[in-house]
Amino acid sequence: MRIFLLVGAILLFLGCSKKSNSGSGAPSVSNGLMPLSVGNYWQYSRVDYDSASGLPKDTVSDGIYIIGEVSVNGTTYFQQNQVSITNINGPSYFINIDSNTLDKIDSASQYTFFKRITADSSLEDSWPDTVSDHCKGHNLLVAFSGNYPIGSYSCLRNEVQVADCTGFVFEKWEYYLKPGLGLVRVQHYKTDSLGNFYLHFSEDLTSYHTD
């Protein structure tokens, strides 16, 4: 069952439950698609592309950092901090539901962030879009079967399609994840004035630390 108001509860408990990598005792580890433990991080090289020419224009660094954990009703959630990879700048949390499902909590809702599936191109989740400048629609998580080679990594692929209130998909996020390691590549697509997609930016894993 979805816990749509869980963010408020997590923020309430975070002050007394947050742990750091330098604290006493080993951090809790959640087994699943993405290794979640305080102190884990994934660093990326981000390349921004020109919308007209499609050529690279800027390269910057980005990353995902697990900075805290909090337990609510016996379940541990891991707070993550990042800049642009998952399009949320406020507090947000990851949790491995099982070995095939990674959930995320932000914008006052819990939803499936990544899913390993067997039926190709399957719609796995839908949740309200709260951050677009279009009329408010929904985010659609589409999962793909098979393996996708990204450099030396064999990855799974999911895609988040952002649709407005008319059902028009104007934005896409492609996530490539190696189970047990984490996100290896993230690609963000936008639409131009004609409704055609272009690559806005791409991020590739450069280094990581996981417990």
N, C-alpha and C. Protein backbone atom coordinates (compact mmCIF):
# COMPACT_ATOMS: atom_id res chain seq x y z
N MET A 1 0.84 -1.20 0.00
CA MET A 1 0.00 0.00 0.00
C MET A 1 0.87 1.25 0.00
N ARG A 2 0.57 2.19 -0.87
CA ARG A 2 1.34 3.41 -0.96
C ARG A 2 1.16 4.28 0.28
N ILE A 3 2.22 4.95 0.68
CA ILE A 3 2.18 5.81 1.86
C ILE A 3 2.39 7.24 1.38
N PHE A 4 1.31 7.88 0.95
CA PHE A 4 1.44 9.14 0.23
C PHE A 4 1.87 10.30 1.11
N LEU A 5 1.72 10.20 2.42
CA LEU A 5 2.11 11.30 3.29
C LEU A 5 3.36 10.98 4.10
N LEU A 6 4.15 10.03 3.59
CA LEU A 6 5.28 9.54 4.37
C LEU A 6 6.41 10.55 4.47
N VAL A 7 6.53 11.46 3.51
CA VAL A 7 7.61 12.43 3.57
C VAL A 7 7.56 13.25 4.85
N GLY A 8 6.38 13.71 5.21
CA GLY A 8 6.24 14.49 6.42
C GLY A 8 6.66 13.71 7.64
N ALA A 9 6.28 12.44 7.70
CA ALA A 9 6.66 11.61 8.83
C ALA A 9 8.17 11.40 8.88
N ILE A 10 8.78 11.21 7.71
CA ILE A 10 10.22 11.00 7.67
C ILE A 10 10.96 12.24 8.13
N LEU A 11 10.53 13.40 7.66
CA LEU A 11 11.18 14.65 8.07
C LEU A 11 11.03 14.87 9.57
N LEU A 12 9.90 14.46 10.13
CA LEU A 12 9.68 14.62 11.55
C LEU A 12 10.66 13.79 12.36
N PHE A 13 10.92 12.56 11.89
CA PHE A 13 11.79 11.66 12.63
C PHE A 13 13.25 11.81 12.27
N LEU A 14 13.56 12.51 11.18
CA LEU A 14 14.92 12.55 10.68
C LEU A 14 15.90 13.14 11.68
N GLY A 15 15.48 14.17 12.41
CA GLY A 15 16.38 14.85 13.33
C GLY A 15 16.95 13.92 14.39
N CYS A 16 16.17 12.95 14.83
CA CYS A 16 16.66 12.08 15.90
C CYS A 16 17.16 10.75 15.37
N SER A 17 16.94 10.46 14.08
CA SER A 17 17.31 9.15 13.56
C SER A 17 18.45 9.18 12.57
N LYS A 18 18.81 10.35 12.07
CA LYS A 18 19.82 10.45 11.03
C LYS A 18 21.18 9.98 11.53
N LYS A 19 21.86 9.21 10.68
CA LYS A 19 23.19 8.72 11.01
C LYS A 19 24.16 9.21 9.95
N SER A 20 25.42 9.26 10.29
CA SER A 20 26.44 9.62 9.32
C SER A 20 27.46 8.50 9.23
N ASN A 21 28.29 8.54 8.18
CA ASN A 21 29.27 7.49 7.96
C ASN A 21 30.35 7.49 9.03
N SER A 22 30.50 8.61 9.75
CA SER A 22 31.54 8.69 10.76
C SER A 22 31.04 8.30 12.15
N GLY A 23 29.78 7.93 12.27
CA GLY A 23 29.22 7.58 13.55
C GLY A 23 29.67 6.20 14.01
N SER A 24 29.32 5.85 15.24
CA SER A 24 29.72 4.56 15.77
C SER A 24 28.80 3.47 15.23
N GLY A 25 29.37 2.30 15.00
CA GLY A 25 28.58 1.18 14.52
C GLY A 25 28.46 1.19 13.02
N ALA A 26 28.17 0.03 12.43
CA ALA A 26 28.04 -0.09 10.98
C ALA A 26 26.69 0.43 10.53
N PRO A 27 26.65 1.13 9.39
CA PRO A 27 25.37 1.62 8.88
C PRO A 27 24.49 0.48 8.41
N SER A 28 23.18 0.69 8.44
CA SER A 28 22.25 -0.32 7.96
C SER A 28 22.37 -0.43 6.44
N VAL A 29 22.23 -1.63 5.92
CA VAL A 29 22.30 -1.87 4.48
C VAL A 29 20.99 -2.48 4.02
N SER A 30 20.45 -1.95 2.94
CA SER A 30 19.22 -2.49 2.37
C SER A 30 19.57 -3.21 1.08
N ASN A 31 19.35 -4.52 1.03
CA ASN A 31 19.68 -5.30 -0.15
C ASN A 31 18.65 -5.07 -1.25
N GLY A 32 19.11 -5.05 -2.49
CA GLY A 32 18.18 -4.86 -3.60
C GLY A 32 18.90 -4.35 -4.83
N LEU A 33 18.15 -3.68 -5.70
CA LEU A 33 18.72 -3.20 -6.96
C LEU A 33 19.85 -2.21 -6.74
N MET A 34 19.72 -1.36 -5.73
CA MET A 34 20.71 -0.32 -5.48
C MET A 34 21.21 -0.46 -4.05
N PRO A 35 22.52 -0.59 -3.84
CA PRO A 35 23.03 -0.73 -2.47
C PRO A 35 22.84 0.56 -1.68
N LEU A 36 22.05 0.50 -0.63
CA LEU A 36 21.70 1.67 0.16
C LEU A 36 22.33 1.57 1.54
N SER A 37 23.24 2.49 1.82
CA SER A 37 23.92 2.55 3.11
C SER A 37 24.48 3.95 3.25
N VAL A 38 24.40 4.53 4.43
CA VAL A 38 24.92 5.87 4.66
C VAL A 38 26.41 5.90 4.31
N GLY A 39 26.81 6.87 3.50
CA GLY A 39 28.19 6.98 3.04
C GLY A 39 28.40 6.49 1.62
N ASN A 40 27.43 5.74 1.08
CA ASN A 40 27.54 5.31 -0.31
C ASN A 40 27.36 6.50 -1.25
N TYR A 41 28.06 6.46 -2.37
CA TYR A 41 27.88 7.54 -3.36
C TYR A 41 28.18 7.03 -4.76
N TRP A 42 27.65 7.75 -5.72
CA TRP A 42 27.86 7.50 -7.14
C TRP A 42 28.14 8.86 -7.80
N GLN A 43 29.28 8.99 -8.47
CA GLN A 43 29.65 10.25 -9.10
C GLN A 43 29.60 10.11 -10.61
N TYR A 44 29.17 11.19 -11.27
CA TYR A 44 28.89 11.15 -12.70
C TYR A 44 29.51 12.34 -13.42
N SER A 45 29.79 12.14 -14.69
CA SER A 45 30.15 13.22 -15.59
C SER A 45 28.90 13.55 -16.42
N ARG A 46 28.45 14.78 -16.31
CA ARG A 46 27.26 15.21 -17.03
C ARG A 46 27.66 16.05 -18.25
N VAL A 47 27.08 15.71 -19.40
CA VAL A 47 27.29 16.46 -20.62
C VAL A 47 25.97 17.08 -21.05
N ASP A 48 25.93 18.40 -21.16
CA ASP A 48 24.75 19.11 -21.66
C ASP A 48 24.88 19.30 -23.16
N TYR A 49 23.74 19.21 -23.86
CA TYR A 49 23.74 19.29 -25.31
C TYR A 49 22.96 20.51 -25.80
N ASP A 50 23.42 21.07 -26.90
CA ASP A 50 22.73 22.19 -27.53
C ASP A 50 21.47 21.68 -28.21
N SER A 51 20.34 22.33 -27.94
CA SER A 51 19.06 21.84 -28.47
C SER A 51 18.96 21.98 -29.98
N ALA A 52 19.68 22.93 -30.56
CA ALA A 52 19.59 23.14 -32.01
C ALA A 52 20.54 22.24 -32.79
N SER A 53 21.80 22.19 -32.35
CA SER A 53 22.80 21.42 -33.10
C SER A 53 22.93 19.98 -32.63
N GLY A 54 22.54 19.72 -31.37
CA GLY A 54 22.73 18.39 -30.81
C GLY A 54 24.14 18.12 -30.35
N LEU A 55 25.00 19.14 -30.40
CA LEU A 55 26.41 18.97 -30.02
C LEU A 55 26.61 19.25 -28.53
N PRO A 56 27.60 18.60 -27.92
CA PRO A 56 27.90 18.88 -26.51
C PRO A 56 28.31 20.33 -26.32
N LYS A 57 27.89 20.92 -25.19
CA LYS A 57 28.26 22.31 -24.93
C LYS A 57 28.90 22.52 -23.56
N ASP A 58 28.55 21.72 -22.58
CA ASP A 58 29.12 21.86 -21.23
C ASP A 58 29.31 20.48 -20.61
N THR A 59 30.31 20.36 -19.77
CA THR A 59 30.53 19.14 -18.99
C THR A 59 30.75 19.53 -17.53
N VAL A 60 29.94 18.95 -16.64
CA VAL A 60 30.05 19.22 -15.22
C VAL A 60 29.97 17.90 -14.45
N SER A 61 30.23 17.96 -13.16
CA SER A 61 30.15 16.78 -12.31
C SER A 61 28.81 16.75 -11.58
N ASP A 62 28.33 15.56 -11.30
CA ASP A 62 27.09 15.38 -10.57
C ASP A 62 27.24 14.13 -9.71
N GLY A 63 26.27 13.86 -8.85
CA GLY A 63 26.39 12.68 -8.01
C GLY A 63 25.15 12.40 -7.19
N ILE A 64 25.07 11.19 -6.69
CA ILE A 64 24.06 10.77 -5.73
C ILE A 64 24.81 10.39 -4.46
N TYR A 65 24.37 10.92 -3.32
CA TYR A 65 25.04 10.67 -2.04
C TYR A 65 23.99 10.24 -1.02
N ILE A 66 24.21 9.10 -0.39
CA ILE A 66 23.33 8.65 0.68
C ILE A 66 23.82 9.29 1.97
N ILE A 67 23.04 10.25 2.49
CA ILE A 67 23.51 11.10 3.58
C ILE A 67 22.83 10.81 4.92
N GLY A 68 21.81 9.97 4.94
CA GLY A 68 21.16 9.69 6.21
C GLY A 68 20.17 8.56 6.08
N GLU A 69 19.68 8.10 7.20
CA GLU A 69 18.66 7.06 7.21
C GLU A 69 17.67 7.34 8.33
N VAL A 70 16.46 6.87 8.16
CA VAL A 70 15.44 7.06 9.17
C VAL A 70 14.51 5.85 9.14
N SER A 71 14.09 5.42 10.31
CA SER A 71 13.17 4.28 10.41
C SER A 71 11.79 4.78 10.80
N VAL A 72 10.79 4.35 10.06
CA VAL A 72 9.40 4.68 10.34
C VAL A 72 8.60 3.38 10.33
N ASN A 73 7.97 3.07 11.45
CA ASN A 73 7.17 1.85 11.57
C ASN A 73 7.96 0.60 11.18
N GLY A 74 9.23 0.57 11.57
CA GLY A 74 10.06 -0.61 11.34
C GLY A 74 10.69 -0.69 9.97
N THR A 75 10.45 0.30 9.11
CA THR A 75 11.02 0.31 7.76
C THR A 75 12.07 1.41 7.67
N THR A 76 13.24 1.09 7.10
CA THR A 76 14.33 2.05 6.99
C THR A 76 14.34 2.69 5.61
N TYR A 77 14.38 4.02 5.59
CA TYR A 77 14.45 4.80 4.36
C TYR A 77 15.78 5.54 4.34
N PHE A 78 16.38 5.65 3.16
CA PHE A 78 17.69 6.26 3.02
C PHE A 78 17.58 7.59 2.29
N GLN A 79 17.99 8.66 2.99
CA GLN A 79 17.92 9.98 2.38
C GLN A 79 19.07 10.15 1.40
N GLN A 80 18.74 10.68 0.20
CA GLN A 80 19.76 10.90 -0.80
C GLN A 80 19.82 12.37 -1.17
N ASN A 81 21.00 12.80 -1.55
CA ASN A 81 21.21 14.18 -1.97
C ASN A 81 21.85 14.16 -3.34
N GLN A 82 21.33 14.96 -4.27
CA GLN A 82 21.88 15.05 -5.60
C GLN A 82 21.41 16.34 -6.24
N VAL A 83 21.93 16.64 -7.42
CA VAL A 83 21.63 17.91 -8.07
C VAL A 83 20.56 17.75 -9.13
N SER A 84 20.81 16.92 -10.12
CA SER A 84 19.90 16.90 -11.27
C SER A 84 19.50 15.53 -11.76
N ILE A 85 20.10 14.47 -11.24
CA ILE A 85 19.91 13.15 -11.82
C ILE A 85 18.45 12.69 -11.75
N THR A 86 17.81 12.93 -10.64
CA THR A 86 16.42 12.49 -10.51
C THR A 86 15.43 13.65 -10.43
N ASN A 87 15.89 14.84 -10.78
CA ASN A 87 15.01 16.01 -10.96
C ASN A 87 14.30 16.46 -9.70
N ILE A 88 14.87 16.18 -8.54
CA ILE A 88 14.29 16.64 -7.28
C ILE A 88 15.41 17.25 -6.45
N ASN A 89 15.30 18.51 -6.11
CA ASN A 89 16.33 19.18 -5.33
C ASN A 89 16.04 19.17 -3.83
N GLY A 90 14.81 18.87 -3.44
CA GLY A 90 14.45 18.82 -2.03
C GLY A 90 14.76 17.46 -1.43
N PRO A 91 14.45 17.27 -0.14
CA PRO A 91 14.70 15.98 0.51
C PRO A 91 13.96 14.85 -0.18
N SER A 92 14.65 13.75 -0.41
CA SER A 92 14.02 12.57 -1.01
C SER A 92 14.71 11.33 -0.50
N TYR A 93 14.06 10.19 -0.66
CA TYR A 93 14.49 8.96 0.00
C TYR A 93 14.34 7.78 -0.93
N PHE A 94 15.27 6.81 -0.80
CA PHE A 94 15.22 5.55 -1.53
C PHE A 94 14.90 4.42 -0.56
N ILE A 95 14.25 3.39 -1.07
CA ILE A 95 14.04 2.15 -0.32
C ILE A 95 13.95 1.00 -1.30
N ASN A 96 14.70 -0.08 -1.04
CA ASN A 96 14.57 -1.30 -1.82
C ASN A 96 13.39 -2.09 -1.28
N ILE A 97 12.32 -2.15 -2.05
CA ILE A 97 11.12 -2.89 -1.63
C ILE A 97 11.40 -4.39 -1.62
N ASP A 98 12.08 -4.86 -2.67
CA ASP A 98 12.52 -6.25 -2.77
C ASP A 98 13.69 -6.27 -3.74
N SER A 99 14.11 -7.46 -4.17
CA SER A 99 15.29 -7.56 -5.03
C SER A 99 15.03 -7.04 -6.44
N ASN A 100 13.78 -6.73 -6.77
CA ASN A 100 13.43 -6.27 -8.11
C ASN A 100 12.87 -4.85 -8.15
N THR A 101 12.67 -4.22 -6.99
CA THR A 101 11.93 -2.96 -6.95
C THR A 101 12.61 -1.94 -6.06
N LEU A 102 12.93 -0.78 -6.65
CA LEU A 102 13.48 0.35 -5.92
C LEU A 102 12.45 1.47 -5.91
N ASP A 103 12.01 1.86 -4.71
CA ASP A 103 11.04 2.95 -4.57
C ASP A 103 11.74 4.24 -4.20
N LYS A 104 11.05 5.36 -4.44
CA LYS A 104 11.56 6.68 -4.08
C LYS A 104 10.43 7.47 -3.46
N ILE A 105 10.77 8.35 -2.54
CA ILE A 105 9.80 9.22 -1.90
C ILE A 105 10.23 10.66 -2.11
N ASP A 106 9.37 11.45 -2.71
CA ASP A 106 9.57 12.89 -2.81
C ASP A 106 8.24 13.52 -3.18
N SER A 107 8.16 14.81 -3.05
CA SER A 107 6.93 15.56 -3.39
C SER A 107 5.69 14.92 -2.76
N ALA A 108 5.84 14.42 -1.52
CA ALA A 108 4.73 13.88 -0.73
C ALA A 108 4.11 12.63 -1.33
N SER A 109 4.87 11.83 -2.10
CA SER A 109 4.35 10.56 -2.60
C SER A 109 5.46 9.53 -2.67
N GLN A 110 5.08 8.27 -2.59
CA GLN A 110 6.01 7.16 -2.75
C GLN A 110 5.65 6.46 -4.06
N TYR A 111 6.67 6.20 -4.88
CA TYR A 111 6.42 5.58 -6.19
C TYR A 111 7.59 4.68 -6.55
N THR A 112 7.37 3.82 -7.54
CA THR A 112 8.42 2.93 -8.01
C THR A 112 9.39 3.73 -8.88
N PHE A 113 10.65 3.79 -8.45
CA PHE A 113 11.67 4.52 -9.20
C PHE A 113 12.32 3.64 -10.27
N PHE A 114 12.53 2.34 -9.95
CA PHE A 114 13.13 1.43 -10.91
C PHE A 114 12.59 0.03 -10.64
N LYS A 115 12.36 -0.72 -11.73
CA LYS A 115 11.76 -2.05 -11.61
C LYS A 115 12.43 -3.02 -12.59
N ARG A 116 12.82 -4.20 -12.08
CA ARG A 116 13.30 -5.28 -12.95
C ARG A 116 12.10 -6.13 -13.34
N ILE A 117 11.90 -6.33 -14.64
CA ILE A 117 10.70 -7.02 -15.11
C ILE A 117 11.07 -8.10 -16.14
N THR A 118 10.08 -8.92 -16.52
CA THR A 118 10.28 -9.94 -17.55
C THR A 118 9.47 -9.65 -18.81
N ALA A 119 8.36 -8.90 -18.67
CA ALA A 119 7.54 -8.54 -19.84
C ALA A 119 8.01 -7.19 -20.37
N ASP A 120 8.47 -7.16 -21.61
CA ASP A 120 9.08 -5.96 -22.16
C ASP A 120 8.07 -4.82 -22.31
N SER A 121 8.57 -3.59 -22.13
CA SER A 121 7.80 -2.36 -22.32
C SER A 121 6.52 -2.35 -21.48
N SER A 122 6.65 -2.72 -20.23
CA SER A 122 5.48 -2.78 -19.36
C SER A 122 5.37 -1.53 -18.50
N LEU A 123 4.15 -1.01 -18.37
CA LEU A 123 3.90 0.13 -17.50
C LEU A 123 3.85 -0.36 -16.07
N GLU A 124 4.77 0.14 -15.22
CA GLU A 124 4.92 -0.37 -13.87
C GLU A 124 4.35 0.56 -12.80
N ASP A 125 4.24 1.85 -13.09
CA ASP A 125 3.72 2.76 -12.07
C ASP A 125 3.35 4.08 -12.74
N SER A 126 2.53 4.85 -12.03
CA SER A 126 2.12 6.18 -12.48
C SER A 126 1.89 7.04 -11.25
N TRP A 127 2.36 8.29 -11.30
CA TRP A 127 2.15 9.19 -10.17
C TRP A 127 2.05 10.62 -10.69
N PRO A 128 1.39 11.50 -9.94
CA PRO A 128 1.16 12.87 -10.42
C PRO A 128 2.46 13.63 -10.66
N ASP A 129 2.48 14.40 -11.74
CA ASP A 129 3.62 15.27 -12.02
C ASP A 129 3.41 16.59 -11.27
N THR A 130 4.42 16.99 -10.51
CA THR A 130 4.28 18.20 -9.69
C THR A 130 5.31 19.26 -10.01
N VAL A 131 6.21 19.01 -10.96
CA VAL A 131 7.32 19.94 -11.15
C VAL A 131 7.37 20.56 -12.54
N SER A 132 6.44 20.24 -13.43
CA SER A 132 6.52 20.75 -14.79
C SER A 132 5.85 22.10 -14.92
N ASP A 133 6.15 22.79 -16.01
CA ASP A 133 5.48 24.05 -16.30
C ASP A 133 4.35 23.86 -17.30
N HIS A 134 4.02 22.60 -17.60
CA HIS A 134 2.85 22.28 -18.43
C HIS A 134 1.65 22.09 -17.50
N CYS A 135 0.48 21.90 -18.09
CA CYS A 135 -0.67 21.55 -17.26
C CYS A 135 -0.38 20.20 -16.61
N LYS A 136 -0.72 20.09 -15.34
CA LYS A 136 -0.27 18.96 -14.54
C LYS A 136 -0.86 17.64 -15.02
N GLY A 137 0.04 16.70 -15.28
CA GLY A 137 -0.36 15.37 -15.73
C GLY A 137 0.23 14.30 -14.84
N HIS A 138 0.86 13.29 -15.46
CA HIS A 138 1.40 12.17 -14.70
C HIS A 138 2.76 11.74 -15.23
N ASN A 139 3.53 11.13 -14.34
CA ASN A 139 4.77 10.45 -14.71
C ASN A 139 4.44 8.97 -14.89
N LEU A 140 4.95 8.37 -15.95
CA LEU A 140 4.68 6.98 -16.27
C LEU A 140 6.01 6.21 -16.29
N LEU A 141 6.11 5.19 -15.45
CA LEU A 141 7.33 4.38 -15.42
C LEU A 141 7.15 3.18 -16.35
N VAL A 142 7.97 3.12 -17.39
CA VAL A 142 7.95 2.01 -18.34
C VAL A 142 9.25 1.23 -18.19
N ALA A 143 9.15 -0.07 -17.97
CA ALA A 143 10.33 -0.91 -17.77
C ALA A 143 10.54 -1.81 -18.98
N PHE A 144 11.80 -2.11 -19.26
CA PHE A 144 12.16 -2.93 -20.41
C PHE A 144 12.92 -4.16 -19.94
N SER A 145 12.70 -5.26 -20.63
CA SER A 145 13.42 -6.49 -20.30
C SER A 145 14.74 -6.53 -21.07
N GLY A 146 15.57 -7.50 -20.75
CA GLY A 146 16.85 -7.64 -21.44
C GLY A 146 17.95 -6.83 -20.79
N ASN A 147 19.15 -6.98 -21.33
CA ASN A 147 20.32 -6.30 -20.81
C ASN A 147 20.84 -5.29 -21.82
N TYR A 148 21.34 -4.17 -21.31
CA TYR A 148 21.83 -3.09 -22.15
C TYR A 148 23.29 -2.81 -21.77
N PRO A 149 24.23 -3.00 -22.71
CA PRO A 149 25.64 -2.74 -22.39
C PRO A 149 25.93 -1.24 -22.34
N ILE A 150 26.41 -0.77 -21.19
CA ILE A 150 26.85 0.61 -21.01
C ILE A 150 28.31 0.53 -20.58
N GLY A 151 29.22 0.79 -21.52
CA GLY A 151 30.63 0.58 -21.22
C GLY A 151 30.88 -0.87 -20.88
N SER A 152 31.47 -1.10 -19.72
CA SER A 152 31.75 -2.48 -19.29
C SER A 152 30.63 -3.07 -18.43
N TYR A 153 29.54 -2.32 -18.25
CA TYR A 153 28.45 -2.75 -17.39
C TYR A 153 27.29 -3.31 -18.20
N SER A 154 26.68 -4.35 -17.67
CA SER A 154 25.44 -4.89 -18.24
C SER A 154 24.28 -4.38 -17.39
N CYS A 155 23.41 -3.58 -18.00
CA CYS A 155 22.42 -2.83 -17.24
C CYS A 155 20.98 -3.19 -17.61
N LEU A 156 20.09 -2.86 -16.69
CA LEU A 156 18.66 -2.86 -16.96
C LEU A 156 18.25 -1.44 -17.36
N ARG A 157 17.12 -1.34 -18.06
CA ARG A 157 16.67 -0.03 -18.52
C ARG A 157 15.23 0.24 -18.10
N ASN A 158 15.00 1.42 -17.54
CA ASN A 158 13.66 1.94 -17.27
C ASN A 158 13.56 3.33 -17.86
N GLU A 159 12.32 3.75 -18.12
CA GLU A 159 12.09 5.09 -18.68
C GLU A 159 10.92 5.74 -17.97
N VAL A 160 11.09 6.99 -17.56
CA VAL A 160 10.00 7.77 -17.00
C VAL A 160 9.53 8.75 -18.06
N GLN A 161 8.27 8.62 -18.45
CA GLN A 161 7.67 9.51 -19.44
C GLN A 161 6.79 10.52 -18.71
N VAL A 162 7.04 11.80 -18.96
CA VAL A 162 6.29 12.85 -18.29
C VAL A 162 5.22 13.37 -19.24
N ALA A 163 3.95 13.13 -18.89
CA ALA A 163 2.83 13.52 -19.74
C ALA A 163 2.04 14.65 -19.10
N ASP A 164 1.55 15.58 -19.93
CA ASP A 164 0.72 16.66 -19.40
C ASP A 164 -0.72 16.20 -19.26
N CYS A 165 -1.62 17.12 -18.93
CA CYS A 165 -3.00 16.75 -18.65
C CYS A 165 -3.74 16.24 -19.89
N THR A 166 -3.19 16.47 -21.07
CA THR A 166 -3.81 15.97 -22.31
C THR A 166 -3.28 14.59 -22.70
N GLY A 167 -2.25 14.11 -21.97
CA GLY A 167 -1.63 12.84 -22.30
C GLY A 167 -0.41 12.97 -23.19
N PHE A 168 -0.07 14.19 -23.60
CA PHE A 168 1.11 14.42 -24.45
C PHE A 168 2.38 14.25 -23.63
N VAL A 169 3.28 13.37 -24.08
CA VAL A 169 4.55 13.13 -23.41
C VAL A 169 5.56 14.15 -23.92
N PHE A 170 5.98 15.06 -23.03
CA PHE A 170 6.85 16.15 -23.43
C PHE A 170 8.26 16.04 -22.85
N GLU A 171 8.50 15.02 -22.04
CA GLU A 171 9.79 14.88 -21.38
C GLU A 171 10.02 13.41 -21.06
N LYS A 172 11.26 12.95 -21.13
CA LYS A 172 11.59 11.56 -20.81
C LYS A 172 12.90 11.49 -20.03
N TRP A 173 12.94 10.54 -19.09
CA TRP A 173 14.16 10.21 -18.35
C TRP A 173 14.48 8.75 -18.61
N GLU A 174 15.67 8.45 -19.11
CA GLU A 174 16.11 7.08 -19.30
C GLU A 174 17.13 6.74 -18.21
N TYR A 175 16.87 5.64 -17.50
CA TYR A 175 17.75 5.20 -16.42
C TYR A 175 18.32 3.82 -16.77
N TYR A 176 19.63 3.70 -16.67
CA TYR A 176 20.31 2.42 -16.88
C TYR A 176 20.97 2.04 -15.56
N LEU A 177 20.59 0.89 -15.03
CA LEU A 177 21.02 0.47 -13.69
C LEU A 177 21.61 -0.92 -13.73
N LYS A 178 22.76 -1.07 -13.08
CA LYS A 178 23.32 -2.41 -12.88
C LYS A 178 22.91 -2.89 -11.50
N PRO A 179 22.16 -4.00 -11.42
CA PRO A 179 21.72 -4.48 -10.11
C PRO A 179 22.89 -4.73 -9.17
N GLY A 180 22.75 -4.25 -7.94
CA GLY A 180 23.79 -4.41 -6.94
C GLY A 180 24.85 -3.33 -6.98
N LEU A 181 24.83 -2.49 -8.04
CA LEU A 181 25.78 -1.39 -8.16
C LEU A 181 25.09 -0.04 -8.11
N GLY A 182 24.05 0.14 -8.92
CA GLY A 182 23.32 1.40 -8.96
C GLY A 182 23.22 1.96 -10.37
N LEU A 183 22.84 3.22 -10.47
CA LEU A 183 22.66 3.87 -11.76
C LEU A 183 24.01 4.06 -12.45
N VAL A 184 24.07 3.66 -13.72
CA VAL A 184 25.28 3.77 -14.51
C VAL A 184 25.17 4.90 -15.53
N ARG A 185 23.98 5.09 -16.07
CA ARG A 185 23.76 6.17 -17.03
C ARG A 185 22.36 6.74 -16.84
N VAL A 186 22.25 8.06 -16.99
CA VAL A 186 20.97 8.76 -16.97
C VAL A 186 20.94 9.69 -18.18
N GLN A 187 19.84 9.63 -18.95
CA GLN A 187 19.68 10.52 -20.09
C GLN A 187 18.34 11.24 -19.98
N HIS A 188 18.38 12.53 -20.20
CA HIS A 188 17.18 13.36 -20.09
C HIS A 188 16.85 13.94 -21.46
N TYR A 189 15.59 13.77 -21.87
CA TYR A 189 15.13 14.26 -23.17
C TYR A 189 14.00 15.28 -22.97
N LYS A 190 14.03 16.33 -23.78
CA LYS A 190 12.95 17.30 -23.83
C LYS A 190 12.39 17.36 -25.25
N THR A 191 11.26 18.06 -25.41
CA THR A 191 10.68 18.24 -26.73
C THR A 191 10.89 19.68 -27.20
N ASP A 192 11.09 19.82 -28.51
CA ASP A 192 11.22 21.16 -29.08
C ASP A 192 9.84 21.70 -29.45
N SER A 193 9.81 22.83 -30.13
CA SER A 193 8.54 23.48 -30.47
C SER A 193 7.68 22.65 -31.41
N LEU A 194 8.29 21.68 -32.10
CA LEU A 194 7.55 20.80 -33.01
C LEU A 194 7.13 19.50 -32.35
N GLY A 195 7.50 19.34 -31.09
CA GLY A 195 7.14 18.12 -30.36
C GLY A 195 8.12 16.98 -30.55
N ASN A 196 9.30 17.26 -31.12
CA ASN A 196 10.32 16.23 -31.32
C ASN A 196 11.27 16.19 -30.13
N PHE A 197 11.67 14.99 -29.74
CA PHE A 197 12.58 14.85 -28.61
C PHE A 197 14.02 15.16 -29.01
N TYR A 198 14.74 15.80 -28.10
CA TYR A 198 16.17 15.99 -28.25
C TYR A 198 16.84 15.70 -26.92
N LEU A 199 18.10 15.28 -26.99
CA LEU A 199 18.84 14.94 -25.78
C LEU A 199 19.25 16.22 -25.07
N HIS A 200 18.75 16.40 -23.83
CA HIS A 200 19.06 17.59 -23.04
C HIS A 200 20.39 17.41 -22.31
N PHE A 201 20.54 16.28 -21.61
CA PHE A 201 21.83 15.97 -21.00
C PHE A 201 21.96 14.47 -20.81
N SER A 202 23.19 14.04 -20.64
CA SER A 202 23.50 12.64 -20.38
C SER A 202 24.53 12.57 -19.26
N GLU A 203 24.35 11.61 -18.34
CA GLU A 203 25.28 11.44 -17.22
C GLU A 203 25.80 10.01 -17.21
N ASP A 204 27.11 9.87 -17.04
CA ASP A 204 27.73 8.55 -16.98
C ASP A 204 28.55 8.40 -15.71
N LEU A 205 28.47 7.21 -15.14
CA LEU A 205 29.15 6.91 -13.88
C LEU A 205 30.66 6.99 -14.07
N THR A 206 31.33 7.72 -13.17
CA THR A 206 32.79 7.83 -13.20
C THR A 206 33.44 7.17 -12.00
N SER A 207 32.79 7.19 -10.84
CA SER A 207 33.32 6.54 -9.63
C SER A 207 32.19 6.29 -8.67
N TYR A 208 32.43 5.39 -7.72
CA TYR A 208 31.40 5.09 -6.73
C TYR A 208 32.03 4.46 -5.50
N HIS A 209 31.26 4.48 -4.41
CA HIS A 209 31.63 3.76 -3.19
C HIS A 209 30.36 3.14 -2.63
N THR A 210 30.39 1.85 -2.42
CA THR A 210 29.23 1.16 -1.81
C THR A 210 29.73 0.19 -0.75
N ASP A 211 28.96 0.10 0.33
CA ASP A 211 29.23 -0.88 1.39
C ASP A 211 28.38 -2.11 1.18
